[in-house]
Every structure is written in C-alpha cells, then in structure tokens.
C-alpha cells in the first residue's frame, strides 16, 4: 500500500528564478502546452512545460500557467532529472526518451481532478491553512492538477478563487508494505 503525506503552501507571483522572460531570447529544447479549464470554468488557461538548457537530461523544466487574460498565475522550475523514475547513473538515450515521455504526458487528463475529492486525512495541512483548503474543497468547480517529481514526490496545485492565486500542496509517497 502507498500512502501520501502532503505539506501545504500558497504560490505568489514573485519570481525567484533567473528564467529569461522574453520568449524570443531562448527556444525550449522540448515543450508541451495545453489549453484547459483550471482557474476559470468559462475561459481556458494555458498550461505549459518547457525544457531549457544545454540538453534534455541536464536542463531545467519550467512549468507555467497563464490565465485567459494572459496573466502568469503560476510558475515553478526544477531539474529535468527529477522527471526520471530512478536515481544514479544516467543512460543518455534511454533517460532522454523517458523525460520526453513524461513531458508529453505531463498534462494528461488523469492528472486533473476536482479538489473536493482530495481528503484532508491524506494531507498534512498546517492549522493556519485549514480554512483555505476547506474553502477550496467547498468550491465544486475547483480543479487540482497533480504532477510527480523525483521518484517519490507529488505536487498538487489548485486555483483559489477567493484568494485569486494558486495554492500548492507538496508531499511524498510513503510505501508502507501493506502495514
């Protein structure tokens, strides 16, 4: 059996990343973009994941969500190596293919669900944030997006209409071996 323990935080629009913002200055090595309902049930947002850097294996993944007005509402980055399902020695051709497959399926419909179905008992939410999470769960239109990094880390993000920003939940899969 696998259980999941999550921590809770909110996303601001502040940037800690040295990412180049002018798309003409850097061309992604690999990319995946989708338009889907996320922060608004009337207009679609653009979700994108780009790989920038020297190579697919040594590059950086940039996940961005832009709302229908063109405003960036979420941005994060992590090394592409975190998309691999193994640690240790890199096998260039095999690992590059695995990273590309993960990027291609990054926004698969199975990674999106209504926030109301995420049970509080599987989340480690600080008392100060319980009200925020309950408000999100009370919104039947709230959609969370779940993606994994590293071998055992799951990140979930959901847009809070009341806060007008993304709320992020991050946790680790814990294998309990049937206990």
N, C-alpha and C. Protein backbone atom coordinates (compact mmCIF):
# COMPACT_ATOMS: atom_id res chain seq x y z
N UNK A 1 0.84 -1.16 0.00
CA UNK A 1 0.00 0.00 0.00
C UNK A 1 0.89 1.24 0.00
N UNK A 2 0.45 2.27 -0.68
CA UNK A 2 1.18 3.52 -0.72
C UNK A 2 0.30 4.60 -0.12
N UNK A 3 0.83 5.31 0.86
CA UNK A 3 0.11 6.46 1.39
C UNK A 3 0.87 7.71 0.99
N UNK A 4 0.23 8.83 1.13
CA UNK A 4 0.86 10.08 0.73
C UNK A 4 0.72 11.10 1.84
N UNK A 5 1.80 11.79 2.15
CA UNK A 5 1.80 12.84 3.14
C UNK A 5 2.11 14.15 2.42
N UNK A 6 1.29 15.17 2.60
CA UNK A 6 1.45 16.43 1.89
C UNK A 6 1.70 17.58 2.83
N UNK A 7 2.47 18.56 2.37
CA UNK A 7 2.61 19.83 3.05
C UNK A 7 1.87 20.87 2.22
N UNK A 8 1.59 22.00 2.80
CA UNK A 8 0.68 22.98 2.21
C UNK A 8 1.37 24.33 2.12
N UNK A 9 1.21 25.03 1.01
CA UNK A 9 1.72 26.39 0.88
C UNK A 9 0.91 27.12 -0.18
N UNK A 10 1.10 28.44 -0.26
CA UNK A 10 0.45 29.19 -1.32
C UNK A 10 1.51 29.74 -2.25
N UNK A 11 1.14 29.95 -3.49
CA UNK A 11 2.05 30.44 -4.52
C UNK A 11 1.83 31.93 -4.71
N UNK A 12 2.91 32.68 -4.70
CA UNK A 12 2.81 34.10 -5.01
C UNK A 12 3.29 34.30 -6.44
N UNK A 13 3.15 35.49 -6.94
CA UNK A 13 3.62 35.80 -8.28
C UNK A 13 5.05 36.30 -8.29
N UNK A 14 5.75 36.24 -7.16
CA UNK A 14 7.13 36.67 -7.11
C UNK A 14 8.00 35.63 -7.78
N UNK A 15 9.05 36.10 -8.44
CA UNK A 15 9.92 35.20 -9.18
C UNK A 15 11.26 35.07 -8.47
N UNK A 16 11.66 33.85 -8.19
CA UNK A 16 12.99 33.58 -7.67
C UNK A 16 13.85 32.93 -8.73
N UNK A 17 13.34 32.80 -9.91
CA UNK A 17 14.02 32.09 -10.98
C UNK A 17 14.71 33.07 -11.92
N UNK A 18 15.93 32.74 -12.37
CA UNK A 18 16.63 33.61 -13.31
C UNK A 18 16.16 33.39 -14.74
N UNK A 19 15.01 32.81 -14.90
CA UNK A 19 14.49 32.48 -16.22
C UNK A 19 14.38 33.72 -17.11
N UNK A 20 14.69 33.55 -18.38
CA UNK A 20 14.54 34.63 -19.35
C UNK A 20 13.08 34.72 -19.72
N UNK A 21 12.49 35.91 -19.60
CA UNK A 21 11.06 36.04 -19.83
C UNK A 21 10.70 36.33 -21.28
N UNK A 22 11.62 36.83 -22.07
CA UNK A 22 11.34 37.11 -23.47
C UNK A 22 11.49 35.81 -24.26
N UNK A 23 10.39 35.31 -24.78
CA UNK A 23 10.39 34.02 -25.47
C UNK A 23 11.31 34.02 -26.69
N UNK A 24 11.60 35.18 -27.25
CA UNK A 24 12.48 35.25 -28.41
C UNK A 24 13.94 35.04 -28.05
N UNK A 25 14.29 35.16 -26.79
CA UNK A 25 15.68 35.04 -26.37
C UNK A 25 16.10 33.60 -26.14
N UNK A 26 15.17 32.73 -25.89
CA UNK A 26 15.52 31.34 -25.64
C UNK A 26 14.45 30.43 -26.23
N UNK A 27 14.88 29.42 -26.92
CA UNK A 27 13.95 28.46 -27.51
C UNK A 27 14.02 27.17 -26.69
N UNK A 28 12.89 26.71 -26.18
CA UNK A 28 12.91 25.47 -25.39
C UNK A 28 13.44 24.29 -26.20
N UNK A 29 14.12 23.39 -25.51
CA UNK A 29 14.59 22.16 -26.13
C UNK A 29 13.42 21.21 -26.38
N UNK A 30 12.43 21.28 -25.51
CA UNK A 30 11.27 20.41 -25.61
C UNK A 30 10.12 21.11 -24.90
N UNK A 31 8.91 20.93 -25.39
CA UNK A 31 7.79 21.67 -24.80
C UNK A 31 6.48 20.89 -24.92
N UNK A 32 5.57 21.21 -24.04
CA UNK A 32 4.20 20.69 -24.10
C UNK A 32 3.29 21.80 -23.60
N UNK A 33 2.27 22.11 -24.37
CA UNK A 33 1.30 23.14 -23.99
C UNK A 33 -0.11 22.62 -24.19
N UNK A 34 -0.98 22.97 -23.25
CA UNK A 34 -2.40 22.64 -23.37
C UNK A 34 -3.23 23.84 -22.95
N UNK A 35 -4.42 23.91 -23.48
CA UNK A 35 -5.40 24.91 -23.04
C UNK A 35 -6.53 24.13 -22.40
N UNK A 36 -6.81 24.45 -21.13
CA UNK A 36 -7.87 23.74 -20.43
C UNK A 36 -8.42 24.59 -19.30
N UNK A 37 -9.58 24.20 -18.83
CA UNK A 37 -10.19 24.91 -17.71
C UNK A 37 -9.41 24.57 -16.45
N UNK A 38 -9.00 25.61 -15.74
CA UNK A 38 -8.27 25.41 -14.49
C UNK A 38 -8.67 26.48 -13.47
N UNK A 39 -8.34 27.73 -13.72
CA UNK A 39 -8.67 28.79 -12.77
C UNK A 39 -10.05 29.39 -13.01
N UNK A 40 -10.63 29.07 -14.15
CA UNK A 40 -11.90 29.66 -14.55
C UNK A 40 -12.68 28.61 -15.33
N UNK A 41 -13.96 28.49 -15.08
CA UNK A 41 -14.76 27.47 -15.76
C UNK A 41 -15.37 27.96 -17.06
N UNK A 42 -15.14 29.23 -17.40
CA UNK A 42 -15.67 29.79 -18.64
C UNK A 42 -14.58 29.92 -19.70
N UNK A 43 -13.39 30.30 -19.27
CA UNK A 43 -12.27 30.53 -20.18
C UNK A 43 -11.12 29.58 -19.84
N UNK A 44 -10.46 29.10 -20.88
CA UNK A 44 -9.36 28.16 -20.68
C UNK A 44 -8.06 28.89 -20.34
N UNK A 45 -7.28 28.26 -19.48
CA UNK A 45 -5.93 28.73 -19.17
C UNK A 45 -4.95 27.99 -20.07
N UNK A 46 -3.75 28.52 -20.21
CA UNK A 46 -2.69 27.85 -20.95
C UNK A 46 -1.70 27.30 -19.94
N UNK A 47 -1.52 25.99 -19.98
CA UNK A 47 -0.54 25.33 -19.12
C UNK A 47 0.61 24.90 -20.01
N UNK A 48 1.82 25.22 -19.61
CA UNK A 48 2.97 24.85 -20.43
C UNK A 48 4.09 24.30 -19.57
N UNK A 49 4.80 23.38 -20.15
CA UNK A 49 6.01 22.86 -19.52
C UNK A 49 7.08 22.87 -20.61
N UNK A 50 8.17 23.57 -20.32
CA UNK A 50 9.27 23.73 -21.27
C UNK A 50 10.55 23.22 -20.64
N UNK A 51 11.41 22.63 -21.48
CA UNK A 51 12.74 22.24 -21.04
C UNK A 51 13.73 23.21 -21.68
N UNK A 52 14.50 23.89 -20.85
CA UNK A 52 15.54 24.80 -21.31
C UNK A 52 16.88 24.32 -20.77
N UNK A 53 17.95 24.64 -21.49
CA UNK A 53 19.28 24.29 -21.01
C UNK A 53 20.15 23.74 -22.11
N UNK A 54 21.25 23.13 -21.71
CA UNK A 54 22.22 22.57 -22.66
C UNK A 54 21.71 21.30 -23.32
N UNK A 55 20.98 20.49 -22.56
CA UNK A 55 20.44 19.23 -23.10
C UNK A 55 19.18 18.86 -22.34
N UNK A 56 18.44 17.92 -22.89
CA UNK A 56 17.22 17.45 -22.22
C UNK A 56 17.56 16.90 -20.83
N UNK A 57 18.62 16.15 -20.73
CA UNK A 57 18.96 15.49 -19.47
C UNK A 57 19.48 16.46 -18.41
N UNK A 58 20.25 17.47 -18.83
CA UNK A 58 20.83 18.40 -17.86
C UNK A 58 20.04 19.69 -17.75
N UNK A 59 18.93 19.78 -18.45
CA UNK A 59 18.16 21.02 -18.50
C UNK A 59 17.29 21.26 -17.28
N UNK A 60 16.51 22.31 -17.39
CA UNK A 60 15.60 22.74 -16.34
C UNK A 60 14.18 22.72 -16.91
N UNK A 61 13.23 22.22 -16.14
CA UNK A 61 11.82 22.21 -16.53
C UNK A 61 11.17 23.47 -15.95
N UNK A 62 10.44 24.19 -16.80
CA UNK A 62 9.69 25.37 -16.36
C UNK A 62 8.21 25.09 -16.58
N UNK A 63 7.46 25.03 -15.48
CA UNK A 63 6.02 24.84 -15.53
C UNK A 63 5.37 26.19 -15.32
N UNK A 64 4.49 26.57 -16.25
CA UNK A 64 3.81 27.87 -16.15
C UNK A 64 2.33 27.69 -16.43
N UNK A 65 1.53 28.50 -15.76
CA UNK A 65 0.10 28.56 -16.04
C UNK A 65 -0.23 30.03 -16.26
N UNK A 66 -0.83 30.30 -17.40
CA UNK A 66 -1.24 31.65 -17.77
C UNK A 66 -2.75 31.65 -17.92
N UNK A 67 -3.41 32.61 -17.28
CA UNK A 67 -4.87 32.63 -17.37
C UNK A 67 -5.33 33.17 -18.72
N UNK A 68 -6.63 33.16 -18.93
CA UNK A 68 -7.19 33.56 -20.22
C UNK A 68 -6.91 35.03 -20.55
N UNK A 69 -6.56 35.83 -19.56
CA UNK A 69 -6.23 37.24 -19.79
C UNK A 69 -4.75 37.42 -20.14
N UNK A 70 -3.99 36.32 -20.13
CA UNK A 70 -2.57 36.40 -20.42
C UNK A 70 -1.70 36.66 -19.20
N UNK A 71 -2.29 36.64 -18.01
CA UNK A 71 -1.55 36.88 -16.77
C UNK A 71 -0.96 35.58 -16.26
N UNK A 72 0.34 35.59 -15.96
CA UNK A 72 1.00 34.44 -15.38
C UNK A 72 0.50 34.26 -13.95
N UNK A 73 -0.12 33.11 -13.68
CA UNK A 73 -0.67 32.87 -12.34
C UNK A 73 0.13 31.82 -11.56
N UNK A 74 1.02 31.10 -12.24
CA UNK A 74 1.84 30.11 -11.55
C UNK A 74 3.10 29.87 -12.35
N UNK A 75 4.20 29.72 -11.62
CA UNK A 75 5.47 29.39 -12.27
C UNK A 75 6.34 28.65 -11.27
N UNK A 76 6.95 27.58 -11.72
CA UNK A 76 7.92 26.86 -10.91
C UNK A 76 8.91 26.20 -11.85
N UNK A 77 10.03 25.79 -11.33
CA UNK A 77 11.02 25.10 -12.15
C UNK A 77 11.72 24.04 -11.30
N UNK A 78 12.28 23.07 -12.00
CA UNK A 78 13.03 22.00 -11.35
C UNK A 78 13.90 21.33 -12.41
N UNK A 79 14.97 20.66 -12.01
CA UNK A 79 15.85 19.98 -12.97
C UNK A 79 15.10 18.85 -13.69
N UNK A 80 15.39 18.68 -14.97
CA UNK A 80 14.73 17.62 -15.74
C UNK A 80 15.00 16.24 -15.16
N UNK A 81 16.13 16.08 -14.53
CA UNK A 81 16.48 14.78 -13.95
C UNK A 81 15.44 14.33 -12.92
N UNK A 82 14.71 15.29 -12.34
CA UNK A 82 13.67 14.94 -11.37
C UNK A 82 12.46 14.25 -12.01
N UNK A 83 12.41 14.23 -13.34
CA UNK A 83 11.34 13.51 -14.02
C UNK A 83 11.66 12.03 -14.20
N UNK A 84 12.90 11.66 -13.93
CA UNK A 84 13.30 10.26 -14.08
C UNK A 84 12.78 9.44 -12.90
N UNK A 85 12.47 8.19 -13.17
CA UNK A 85 11.97 7.30 -12.13
C UNK A 85 13.08 6.47 -11.50
N UNK A 86 14.30 6.95 -11.63
CA UNK A 86 15.42 6.25 -10.99
C UNK A 86 16.46 7.26 -10.56
N UNK A 87 17.33 6.83 -9.70
CA UNK A 87 18.46 7.64 -9.27
C UNK A 87 19.72 6.98 -9.77
N UNK A 88 20.81 7.68 -9.70
CA UNK A 88 22.08 7.09 -10.06
C UNK A 88 22.51 7.41 -11.48
N UNK A 89 23.23 6.47 -12.06
CA UNK A 89 23.86 6.65 -13.36
C UNK A 89 22.84 6.98 -14.46
N UNK A 90 23.17 7.98 -15.26
CA UNK A 90 22.33 8.39 -16.39
C UNK A 90 22.67 7.54 -17.60
N UNK A 91 21.65 7.06 -18.27
CA UNK A 91 21.81 6.37 -19.55
C UNK A 91 21.22 7.32 -20.59
N UNK A 92 22.09 8.12 -21.26
CA UNK A 92 21.63 9.27 -22.06
C UNK A 92 20.43 9.02 -22.97
N UNK A 93 20.50 8.08 -23.89
CA UNK A 93 19.39 7.88 -24.84
C UNK A 93 18.12 7.43 -24.13
N UNK A 94 18.26 6.47 -23.24
CA UNK A 94 17.10 5.94 -22.52
C UNK A 94 16.46 7.01 -21.63
N UNK A 95 17.29 7.74 -20.89
CA UNK A 95 16.77 8.74 -19.97
C UNK A 95 16.19 9.95 -20.70
N UNK A 96 16.78 10.33 -21.82
CA UNK A 96 16.20 11.43 -22.60
C UNK A 96 14.82 11.04 -23.11
N UNK A 97 14.68 9.81 -23.57
CA UNK A 97 13.38 9.33 -24.03
C UNK A 97 12.36 9.31 -22.88
N UNK A 98 12.78 8.88 -21.70
CA UNK A 98 11.88 8.85 -20.55
C UNK A 98 11.43 10.27 -20.18
N UNK A 99 12.35 11.23 -20.20
CA UNK A 99 11.99 12.62 -19.89
C UNK A 99 11.01 13.16 -20.93
N UNK A 100 11.25 12.88 -22.20
CA UNK A 100 10.34 13.35 -23.25
C UNK A 100 8.95 12.74 -23.08
N UNK A 101 8.88 11.46 -22.73
CA UNK A 101 7.58 10.82 -22.50
C UNK A 101 6.86 11.47 -21.32
N UNK A 102 7.60 11.78 -20.26
CA UNK A 102 6.99 12.44 -19.10
C UNK A 102 6.47 13.83 -19.47
N UNK A 103 7.24 14.56 -20.28
CA UNK A 103 6.80 15.90 -20.73
C UNK A 103 5.55 15.75 -21.60
N UNK A 104 5.56 14.78 -22.52
CA UNK A 104 4.42 14.57 -23.42
C UNK A 104 3.13 14.25 -22.65
N UNK A 105 3.25 13.54 -21.54
CA UNK A 105 2.05 13.14 -20.79
C UNK A 105 1.83 14.01 -19.54
N UNK A 106 2.56 15.09 -19.42
CA UNK A 106 2.52 15.93 -18.22
C UNK A 106 1.11 16.42 -17.90
N UNK A 107 0.36 16.76 -18.92
CA UNK A 107 -0.98 17.31 -18.71
C UNK A 107 -2.09 16.32 -19.09
N UNK A 108 -1.82 15.04 -18.91
CA UNK A 108 -2.83 14.02 -19.20
C UNK A 108 -4.07 14.28 -18.33
N UNK A 109 -5.26 14.02 -18.86
CA UNK A 109 -6.50 14.27 -18.11
C UNK A 109 -6.54 13.59 -16.74
N UNK A 110 -5.85 12.47 -16.58
CA UNK A 110 -5.86 11.77 -15.29
C UNK A 110 -5.17 12.55 -14.18
N UNK A 111 -4.38 13.58 -14.53
CA UNK A 111 -3.69 14.38 -13.52
C UNK A 111 -4.52 15.57 -13.04
N UNK A 112 -5.75 15.68 -13.53
CA UNK A 112 -6.65 16.76 -13.13
C UNK A 112 -7.87 16.14 -12.44
N UNK A 113 -8.29 16.75 -11.34
CA UNK A 113 -9.44 16.25 -10.61
C UNK A 113 -10.07 17.38 -9.82
N UNK A 114 -11.29 17.17 -9.39
CA UNK A 114 -11.95 18.17 -8.55
C UNK A 114 -11.32 18.17 -7.17
N UNK A 115 -11.06 19.36 -6.64
CA UNK A 115 -10.42 19.50 -5.32
C UNK A 115 -11.24 18.87 -4.22
N UNK A 116 -12.54 18.81 -4.39
CA UNK A 116 -13.42 18.27 -3.37
C UNK A 116 -13.12 16.79 -3.09
N UNK A 117 -12.51 16.07 -4.03
CA UNK A 117 -12.26 14.64 -3.82
C UNK A 117 -10.96 14.36 -3.07
N UNK A 118 -10.13 15.37 -2.81
CA UNK A 118 -8.91 15.18 -2.04
C UNK A 118 -9.27 15.22 -0.56
N UNK A 119 -9.05 14.12 0.12
CA UNK A 119 -9.44 14.02 1.53
C UNK A 119 -8.39 14.67 2.43
N UNK A 120 -8.86 15.39 3.44
CA UNK A 120 -7.96 16.07 4.37
C UNK A 120 -7.05 15.10 5.12
N UNK A 121 -7.50 13.87 5.36
CA UNK A 121 -6.68 12.95 6.13
C UNK A 121 -5.43 12.51 5.39
N UNK A 122 -5.36 12.72 4.08
CA UNK A 122 -4.15 12.38 3.33
C UNK A 122 -3.23 13.57 3.19
N UNK A 123 -3.61 14.70 3.78
CA UNK A 123 -2.82 15.92 3.66
C UNK A 123 -2.30 16.35 5.02
N UNK A 124 -1.09 16.88 5.03
CA UNK A 124 -0.53 17.47 6.24
C UNK A 124 -0.64 18.98 6.08
N UNK A 125 -1.76 19.53 6.54
CA UNK A 125 -2.05 20.95 6.35
C UNK A 125 -1.92 21.67 7.68
N UNK A 126 -1.09 22.73 7.73
CA UNK A 126 -0.99 23.49 8.98
C UNK A 126 -2.36 24.05 9.39
N UNK A 127 -2.58 24.18 10.69
CA UNK A 127 -3.85 24.71 11.19
C UNK A 127 -4.19 26.05 10.56
N UNK A 128 -3.18 26.88 10.31
CA UNK A 128 -3.41 28.21 9.75
C UNK A 128 -3.93 28.14 8.31
N UNK A 129 -3.78 27.01 7.65
CA UNK A 129 -4.20 26.88 6.25
C UNK A 129 -5.44 26.02 6.05
N UNK A 130 -5.93 25.41 7.11
CA UNK A 130 -7.11 24.53 7.01
C UNK A 130 -8.30 25.28 6.41
N UNK A 131 -8.52 26.51 6.83
CA UNK A 131 -9.65 27.29 6.33
C UNK A 131 -9.53 27.50 4.82
N UNK A 132 -8.33 27.79 4.34
CA UNK A 132 -8.11 27.97 2.90
C UNK A 132 -8.48 26.69 2.16
N UNK A 133 -7.97 25.56 2.65
CA UNK A 133 -8.23 24.29 1.97
C UNK A 133 -9.71 23.93 2.01
N UNK A 134 -10.37 24.15 3.12
CA UNK A 134 -11.81 23.85 3.21
C UNK A 134 -12.61 24.72 2.26
N UNK A 135 -12.19 25.98 2.09
CA UNK A 135 -12.85 26.88 1.15
C UNK A 135 -12.69 26.37 -0.28
N UNK A 136 -11.49 25.91 -0.60
CA UNK A 136 -11.25 25.36 -1.94
C UNK A 136 -12.09 24.11 -2.15
N UNK A 137 -12.12 23.23 -1.16
CA UNK A 137 -12.90 22.00 -1.29
C UNK A 137 -14.40 22.28 -1.39
N UNK A 138 -14.85 23.38 -0.83
CA UNK A 138 -16.27 23.72 -0.90
C UNK A 138 -16.67 24.25 -2.27
N UNK A 139 -15.70 24.59 -3.09
CA UNK A 139 -15.98 25.09 -4.44
C UNK A 139 -16.04 23.90 -5.41
N UNK A 140 -17.22 23.52 -5.88
CA UNK A 140 -17.33 22.35 -6.75
C UNK A 140 -16.66 22.53 -8.11
N UNK A 141 -16.29 23.76 -8.45
CA UNK A 141 -15.62 24.00 -9.73
C UNK A 141 -14.10 23.99 -9.62
N UNK A 142 -13.57 23.91 -8.39
CA UNK A 142 -12.11 23.93 -8.20
C UNK A 142 -11.49 22.65 -8.74
N UNK A 143 -10.46 22.81 -9.55
CA UNK A 143 -9.75 21.69 -10.16
C UNK A 143 -8.32 21.69 -9.64
N UNK A 144 -7.83 20.53 -9.20
CA UNK A 144 -6.42 20.48 -8.87
C UNK A 144 -5.68 19.70 -9.95
N UNK A 145 -4.43 20.07 -10.11
CA UNK A 145 -3.53 19.42 -11.06
C UNK A 145 -2.42 18.78 -10.24
N UNK A 146 -2.15 17.52 -10.51
CA UNK A 146 -1.17 16.75 -9.77
C UNK A 146 -0.05 16.32 -10.70
N UNK A 147 1.20 16.49 -10.27
CA UNK A 147 2.33 16.02 -11.06
C UNK A 147 3.41 15.52 -10.12
N UNK A 148 4.17 14.53 -10.58
CA UNK A 148 5.20 13.97 -9.72
C UNK A 148 6.58 14.41 -10.20
N UNK A 149 7.45 14.59 -9.23
CA UNK A 149 8.86 14.86 -9.48
C UNK A 149 9.64 13.94 -8.56
N UNK A 150 10.90 13.75 -8.88
CA UNK A 150 11.68 12.75 -8.19
C UNK A 150 10.92 11.43 -8.27
N UNK A 151 11.36 10.47 -7.57
CA UNK A 151 10.68 9.19 -7.63
C UNK A 151 9.47 9.15 -6.70
N UNK A 152 9.51 9.94 -5.63
CA UNK A 152 8.50 9.80 -4.59
C UNK A 152 7.77 11.08 -4.21
N UNK A 153 7.91 12.15 -4.98
CA UNK A 153 7.28 13.42 -4.61
C UNK A 153 6.13 13.74 -5.54
N UNK A 154 5.01 14.12 -4.95
CA UNK A 154 3.83 14.53 -5.71
C UNK A 154 3.53 15.97 -5.36
N UNK A 155 3.32 16.79 -6.38
CA UNK A 155 2.90 18.17 -6.19
C UNK A 155 1.49 18.31 -6.71
N UNK A 156 0.67 19.03 -5.97
CA UNK A 156 -0.69 19.32 -6.41
C UNK A 156 -0.89 20.83 -6.32
N UNK A 157 -1.52 21.39 -7.35
CA UNK A 157 -1.83 22.81 -7.33
C UNK A 157 -3.30 22.99 -7.67
N UNK A 158 -3.88 24.01 -7.07
CA UNK A 158 -5.29 24.32 -7.29
C UNK A 158 -5.43 25.83 -7.22
N UNK A 159 -6.34 26.38 -8.02
CA UNK A 159 -6.56 27.82 -8.01
C UNK A 159 -7.66 28.16 -7.02
N UNK A 160 -7.35 29.07 -6.09
CA UNK A 160 -8.35 29.53 -5.13
C UNK A 160 -9.00 30.79 -5.68
N UNK A 161 -10.27 30.69 -5.96
CA UNK A 161 -11.00 31.85 -6.49
C UNK A 161 -11.10 32.97 -5.45
N UNK A 162 -11.19 32.60 -4.18
CA UNK A 162 -11.28 33.61 -3.12
C UNK A 162 -9.94 34.34 -2.95
N UNK A 163 -8.83 33.59 -2.93
CA UNK A 163 -7.52 34.22 -2.78
C UNK A 163 -6.99 34.80 -4.10
N UNK A 164 -7.59 34.36 -5.21
CA UNK A 164 -7.14 34.79 -6.54
C UNK A 164 -5.69 34.39 -6.80
N UNK A 165 -5.32 33.19 -6.35
CA UNK A 165 -3.97 32.68 -6.61
C UNK A 165 -3.95 31.17 -6.46
N UNK A 166 -2.84 30.61 -6.90
CA UNK A 166 -2.63 29.17 -6.82
C UNK A 166 -2.27 28.78 -5.39
N UNK A 167 -2.82 27.68 -4.94
CA UNK A 167 -2.45 27.06 -3.67
C UNK A 167 -1.73 25.77 -4.03
N UNK A 168 -0.54 25.57 -3.46
CA UNK A 168 0.27 24.40 -3.79
C UNK A 168 0.36 23.47 -2.59
N UNK A 169 0.30 22.19 -2.88
CA UNK A 169 0.42 21.14 -1.87
C UNK A 169 1.50 20.20 -2.37
N UNK A 170 2.46 19.89 -1.54
CA UNK A 170 3.55 19.01 -1.96
C UNK A 170 3.72 17.91 -0.93
N UNK A 171 3.99 16.70 -1.40
CA UNK A 171 4.14 15.60 -0.46
C UNK A 171 4.94 14.46 -1.03
N UNK A 172 5.22 13.50 -0.20
CA UNK A 172 6.00 12.33 -0.60
C UNK A 172 5.14 11.08 -0.50
N UNK A 173 5.31 10.21 -1.49
CA UNK A 173 4.68 8.89 -1.41
C UNK A 173 5.45 8.10 -0.36
N UNK A 174 4.72 7.42 0.48
CA UNK A 174 5.36 6.61 1.51
C UNK A 174 4.89 5.18 1.33
N UNK A 175 5.82 4.28 1.03
CA UNK A 175 5.46 2.88 0.88
C UNK A 175 5.38 2.25 2.25
N UNK A 176 4.24 1.65 2.53
CA UNK A 176 4.03 1.06 3.85
C UNK A 176 4.10 -0.46 3.84
N UNK A 177 4.35 -1.06 2.69
CA UNK A 177 4.48 -2.51 2.57
C UNK A 177 3.33 -3.27 3.22
N UNK A 178 2.11 -2.78 2.98
CA UNK A 178 0.93 -3.47 3.46
C UNK A 178 0.61 -3.25 4.92
N UNK A 179 1.38 -2.42 5.60
CA UNK A 179 1.11 -2.17 7.02
C UNK A 179 0.02 -1.16 7.19
